[in-house]
Amino acid sequence: MSLLDEAFMDSRYPEDITLFEDEFNIEVCKEIFTETKETIKCLENSLVKN
């Protein structure tokens, strides 16, 4: 979730958009997306068990 938070802040308040684009290339974005989906599944499973 920290990667997602960092990406949000950098995309919303970029000091230099080219630095953002370099740091969050397509591969990094795919990784963040995959990890976010896994986190959501984990949270959903926790809610179902409780």
PDB file of N, CA and C in Angstrom:
ATOM      1  N   MET A   1       0.818  -1.194   0.000  1.00  0.00           N
ATOM      2  CA  MET A   1       0.000   0.000   0.000  1.00  0.00           C
ATOM      3  C   MET A   1       0.863   1.260   0.000  1.00  0.00           C
ATOM      4  N   SER A   2       2.058   1.157   0.530  1.00  0.00           N
ATOM      5  CA  SER A   2       2.921   2.341   0.560  1.00  0.00           C
ATOM      6  C   SER A   2       3.337   2.759  -0.850  1.00  0.00           C
ATOM      7  N   LEU A   3       3.541   1.783  -1.728  1.00  0.00           N
ATOM      8  CA  LEU A   3       3.849   2.118  -3.134  1.00  0.00           C
ATOM      9  C   LEU A   3       2.680   2.834  -3.793  1.00  0.00           C
ATOM     10  N   LEU A   4       1.489   2.368  -3.519  1.00  0.00           N
ATOM     11  CA  LEU A   4       0.300   2.994  -4.082  1.00  0.00           C
ATOM     12  C   LEU A   4       0.146   4.419  -3.560  1.00  0.00           C
ATOM     13  N   ASP A   5       0.386   4.596  -2.275  1.00  0.00           N
ATOM     14  CA  ASP A   5       0.299   5.925  -1.680  1.00  0.00           C
ATOM     15  C   ASP A   5       1.338   6.866  -2.283  1.00  0.00           C
ATOM     16  N   GLU A   6       2.540   6.372  -2.451  1.00  0.00           N
ATOM     17  CA  GLU A   6       3.610   7.191  -3.044  1.00  0.00           C
ATOM     18  C   GLU A   6       3.264   7.581  -4.479  1.00  0.00           C
ATOM     19  N   ALA A   7       2.746   6.626  -5.239  1.00  0.00           N
ATOM     20  CA  ALA A   7       2.373   6.913  -6.628  1.00  0.00           C
ATOM     21  C   ALA A   7       1.265   7.953  -6.683  1.00  0.00           C
ATOM     22  N   PHE A   8       0.302   7.857  -5.772  1.00  0.00           N
ATOM     23  CA  PHE A   8      -0.786   8.826  -5.753  1.00  0.00           C
ATOM     24  C   PHE A   8      -0.246  10.227  -5.485  1.00  0.00           C
ATOM     25  N   MET A   9       0.567  10.351  -4.461  1.00  0.00           N
ATOM     26  CA  MET A   9       1.089  11.669  -4.098  1.00  0.00           C
ATOM     27  C   MET A   9       1.950  12.244  -5.215  1.00  0.00           C
ATOM     28  N   ASP A  10       2.792  11.403  -5.812  1.00  0.00           N
ATOM     29  CA  ASP A  10       3.663  11.887  -6.885  1.00  0.00           C
ATOM     30  C   ASP A  10       2.879  12.275  -8.122  1.00  0.00           C
ATOM     31  N   SER A  11       1.800  11.561  -8.403  1.00  0.00           N
ATOM     32  CA  SER A  11       1.013  11.893  -9.595  1.00  0.00           C
ATOM     33  C   SER A  11       0.124  13.107  -9.363  1.00  0.00           C
ATOM     34  N   ARG A  12      -0.298  13.298  -8.134  1.00  0.00           N
ATOM     35  CA  ARG A  12      -1.176  14.427  -7.845  1.00  0.00           C
ATOM     36  C   ARG A  12      -0.412  15.732  -7.670  1.00  0.00           C
ATOM     37  N   TYR A  13       0.768  15.644  -7.095  1.00  0.00           N
ATOM     38  CA  TYR A  13       1.565  16.842  -6.815  1.00  0.00           C
ATOM     39  C   TYR A  13       2.981  16.708  -7.367  1.00  0.00           C
ATOM     40  N   PRO A  14       3.116  16.487  -8.657  1.00  0.00           N
ATOM     41  CA  PRO A  14       4.468  16.277  -9.199  1.00  0.00           C
ATOM     42  C   PRO A  14       5.257  17.585  -9.297  1.00  0.00           C
ATOM     43  N   GLU A  15       6.454  17.559  -8.768  1.00  0.00           N
ATOM     44  CA  GLU A  15       7.327  18.718  -8.940  1.00  0.00           C
ATOM     45  C   GLU A  15       7.882  18.713 -10.357  1.00  0.00           C
ATOM     46  N   ASP A  16       8.157  17.525 -10.841  1.00  0.00           N
ATOM     47  CA  ASP A  16       8.681  17.374 -12.196  1.00  0.00           C
ATOM     48  C   ASP A  16       8.069  16.106 -12.782  1.00  0.00           C
ATOM     49  N   ILE A  17       7.147  16.254 -13.695  1.00  0.00           N
ATOM     50  CA  ILE A  17       6.409  15.109 -14.246  1.00  0.00           C
ATOM     51  C   ILE A  17       7.332  14.087 -14.900  1.00  0.00           C
ATOM     52  N   THR A  18       8.460  14.512 -15.431  1.00  0.00           N
ATOM     53  CA  THR A  18       9.374  13.553 -16.067  1.00  0.00           C
ATOM     54  C   THR A  18       9.995  12.626 -15.029  1.00  0.00           C
ATOM     55  N   LEU A  19      10.247  13.121 -13.816  1.00  0.00           N
ATOM     56  CA  LEU A  19      10.752  12.246 -12.762  1.00  0.00           C
ATOM     57  C   LEU A  19       9.715  11.211 -12.379  1.00  0.00           C
ATOM     58  N   PHE A  20       8.463  11.632 -12.313  1.00  0.00           N
ATOM     59  CA  PHE A  20       7.376  10.698 -12.016  1.00  0.00           C
ATOM     60  C   PHE A  20       7.302   9.618 -13.082  1.00  0.00           C
ATOM     61  N   GLU A  21       7.367  10.009 -14.336  1.00  0.00           N
ATOM     62  CA  GLU A  21       7.279   9.047 -15.434  1.00  0.00           C
ATOM     63  C   GLU A  21       8.435   8.067 -15.410  1.00  0.00           C
ATOM     64  N   ASP A  22       9.610   8.525 -15.023  1.00  0.00           N
ATOM     65  CA  ASP A  22      10.763   7.632 -14.935  1.00  0.00           C
ATOM     66  C   ASP A  22      10.620   6.646 -13.782  1.00  0.00           C
ATOM     67  N   GLU A  23      10.134   7.143 -12.641  1.00  0.00           N
ATOM     68  CA  GLU A  23      10.007   6.295 -11.457  1.00  0.00           C
ATOM     69  C   GLU A  23       8.859   5.300 -11.579  1.00  0.00           C
ATOM     70  N   PHE A  24       7.767   5.717 -12.181  1.00  0.00           N
ATOM     71  CA  PHE A  24       6.584   4.868 -12.290  1.00  0.00           C
ATOM     72  C   PHE A  24       6.329   4.496 -13.744  1.00  0.00           C
ATOM     73  N   ASN A  25       7.261   3.721 -14.287  1.00  0.00           N
ATOM     74  CA  ASN A  25       7.097   3.251 -15.662  1.00  0.00           C
ATOM     75  C   ASN A  25       6.032   2.153 -15.700  1.00  0.00           C
ATOM     76  N   ILE A  26       5.774   1.623 -16.867  1.00  0.00           N
ATOM     77  CA  ILE A  26       4.681   0.652 -17.035  1.00  0.00           C
ATOM     78  C   ILE A  26       4.891  -0.601 -16.190  1.00  0.00           C
ATOM     79  N   GLU A  27       6.122  -1.051 -16.052  1.00  0.00           N
ATOM     80  CA  GLU A  27       6.385  -2.255 -15.261  1.00  0.00           C
ATOM     81  C   GLU A  27       6.106  -2.008 -13.779  1.00  0.00           C
ATOM     82  N   VAL A  28       6.508  -0.871 -13.276  1.00  0.00           N
ATOM     83  CA  VAL A  28       6.243  -0.535 -11.876  1.00  0.00           C
ATOM     84  C   VAL A  28       4.737  -0.402 -11.655  1.00  0.00           C
ATOM     85  N   CYS A  29       4.057   0.209 -12.585  1.00  0.00           N
ATOM     86  CA  CYS A  29       2.599   0.366 -12.464  1.00  0.00           C
ATOM     87  C   CYS A  29       1.896  -0.983 -12.469  1.00  0.00           C
ATOM     88  N   LYS A  30       2.353  -1.901 -13.300  1.00  0.00           N
ATOM     89  CA  LYS A  30       1.777  -3.248 -13.321  1.00  0.00           C
ATOM     90  C   LYS A  30       1.987  -3.942 -11.977  1.00  0.00           C
ATOM     91  N   GLU A  31       3.172  -3.784 -11.404  1.00  0.00           N
ATOM     92  CA  GLU A  31       3.474  -4.388 -10.105  1.00  0.00           C
ATOM     93  C   GLU A  31       2.572  -3.800  -9.018  1.00  0.00           C
ATOM     94  N   ILE A  32       2.419  -2.498  -9.020  1.00  0.00           N
ATOM     95  CA  ILE A  32       1.545  -1.848  -8.032  1.00  0.00           C
ATOM     96  C   ILE A  32       0.117  -2.343  -8.196  1.00  0.00           C
ATOM     97  N   PHE A  33      -0.348  -2.469  -9.430  1.00  0.00           N
ATOM     98  CA  PHE A  33      -1.707  -2.930  -9.699  1.00  0.00           C
ATOM     99  C   PHE A  33      -1.900  -4.353  -9.181  1.00  0.00           C
ATOM    100  N   THR A  34      -0.949  -5.223  -9.461  1.00  0.00           N
ATOM    101  CA  THR A  34      -1.036  -6.616  -9.017  1.00  0.00           C
ATOM    102  C   THR A  34      -1.039  -6.703  -7.490  1.00  0.00           C
ATOM    103  N   GLU A  35      -0.141  -5.972  -6.864  1.00  0.00           N
ATOM    104  CA  GLU A  35      -0.079  -5.996  -5.402  1.00  0.00           C
ATOM    105  C   GLU A  35      -1.340  -5.409  -4.774  1.00  0.00           C
ATOM    106  N   THR A  36      -1.904  -4.410  -5.399  1.00  0.00           N
ATOM    107  CA  THR A  36      -3.130  -3.809  -4.890  1.00  0.00           C
ATOM    108  C   THR A  36      -4.283  -4.803  -4.980  1.00  0.00           C
ATOM    109  N   LYS A  37      -4.387  -5.517  -6.091  1.00  0.00           N
ATOM    110  CA  LYS A  37      -5.439  -6.534  -6.231  1.00  0.00           C
ATOM    111  C   LYS A  37      -5.284  -7.616  -5.164  1.00  0.00           C
ATOM    112  N   GLU A  38      -4.049  -8.043  -4.898  1.00  0.00           N
ATOM    113  CA  GLU A  38      -3.802  -9.067  -3.886  1.00  0.00           C
ATOM    114  C   GLU A  38      -4.186  -8.559  -2.493  1.00  0.00           C
ATOM    115  N   THR A  39      -3.889  -7.311  -2.218  1.00  0.00           N
ATOM    116  CA  THR A  39      -4.246  -6.720  -0.927  1.00  0.00           C
ATOM    117  C   THR A  39      -5.757  -6.666  -0.753  1.00  0.00           C
ATOM    118  N   ILE A  40      -6.453  -6.281  -1.801  1.00  0.00           N
ATOM    119  CA  ILE A  40      -7.918  -6.216  -1.746  1.00  0.00           C
ATOM    120  C   ILE A  40      -8.509  -7.601  -1.504  1.00  0.00           C
ATOM    121  N   LYS A  41      -7.991  -8.621  -2.183  1.00  0.00           N
ATOM    122  CA  LYS A  41      -8.470  -9.985  -1.973  1.00  0.00           C
ATOM    123  C   LYS A  41      -8.242 -10.422  -0.530  1.00  0.00           C
ATOM    124  N   CYS A  42      -7.086 -10.095   0.003  1.00  0.00           N
ATOM    125  CA  CYS A  42      -6.770 -10.451   1.388  1.00  0.00           C
ATOM    126  C   CYS A  42      -7.744  -9.776   2.345  1.00  0.00           C
ATOM    127  N   LEU A  43      -8.005  -8.512   2.129  1.00  0.00           N
ATOM    128  CA  LEU A  43      -8.947  -7.783   2.978  1.00  0.00           C
ATOM    129  C   LEU A  43     -10.354  -8.345   2.856  1.00  0.00           C
ATOM    130  N   GLU A  44     -10.770  -8.682   1.646  1.00  0.00           N
ATOM    131  CA  GLU A  44     -12.108  -9.270   1.449  1.00  0.00           C
ATOM    132  C   GLU A  44     -12.220 -10.605   2.169  1.00  0.00           C
ATOM    133  N   ASN A  45     -11.175 -11.407   2.079  1.00  0.00           N
ATOM    134  CA  ASN A  45     -11.183 -12.706   2.780  1.00  0.00           C
ATOM    135  C   ASN A  45     -11.244 -12.523   4.283  1.00  0.00           C
ATOM    136  N   SER A  46     -10.575 -11.530   4.795  1.00  0.00           N
ATOM    137  CA  SER A  46     -10.603 -11.257   6.235  1.00  0.00           C
ATOM    138  C   SER A  46     -12.008 -10.848   6.676  1.00  0.00           C
ATOM    139  N   LEU A  47     -12.677 -10.073   5.853  1.00  0.00           N
ATOM    140  CA  LEU A  47     -14.032  -9.628   6.195  1.00  0.00           C
ATOM    141  C   LEU A  47     -15.018 -10.786   6.168  1.00  0.00           C
ATOM    142  N   VAL A  48     -14.844 -11.696   5.233  1.00  0.00           N
ATOM    143  CA  VAL A  48     -15.741 -12.838   5.126  1.00  0.00           C
ATOM    144  C   VAL A  48     -15.594 -13.768   6.319  1.00  0.00           C
ATOM    145  N   LYS A  49     -14.378 -13.947   6.797  1.00  0.00           N
ATOM    146  CA  LYS A  49     -14.126 -14.835   7.928  1.00  0.00           C
ATOM    147  C   LYS A  49     -14.637 -14.267   9.229  1.00  0.00           C
ATOM    148  N   ASN A  50     -14.690 -12.971   9.336  1.00  0.00           N
ATOM    149  CA  ASN A  50     -15.146 -12.339  10.579  1.00  0.00           C
ATOM    150  C   ASN A  50     -16.592 -12.093  10.456  1.00  0.00           C
TER     151      ASN A  50
END
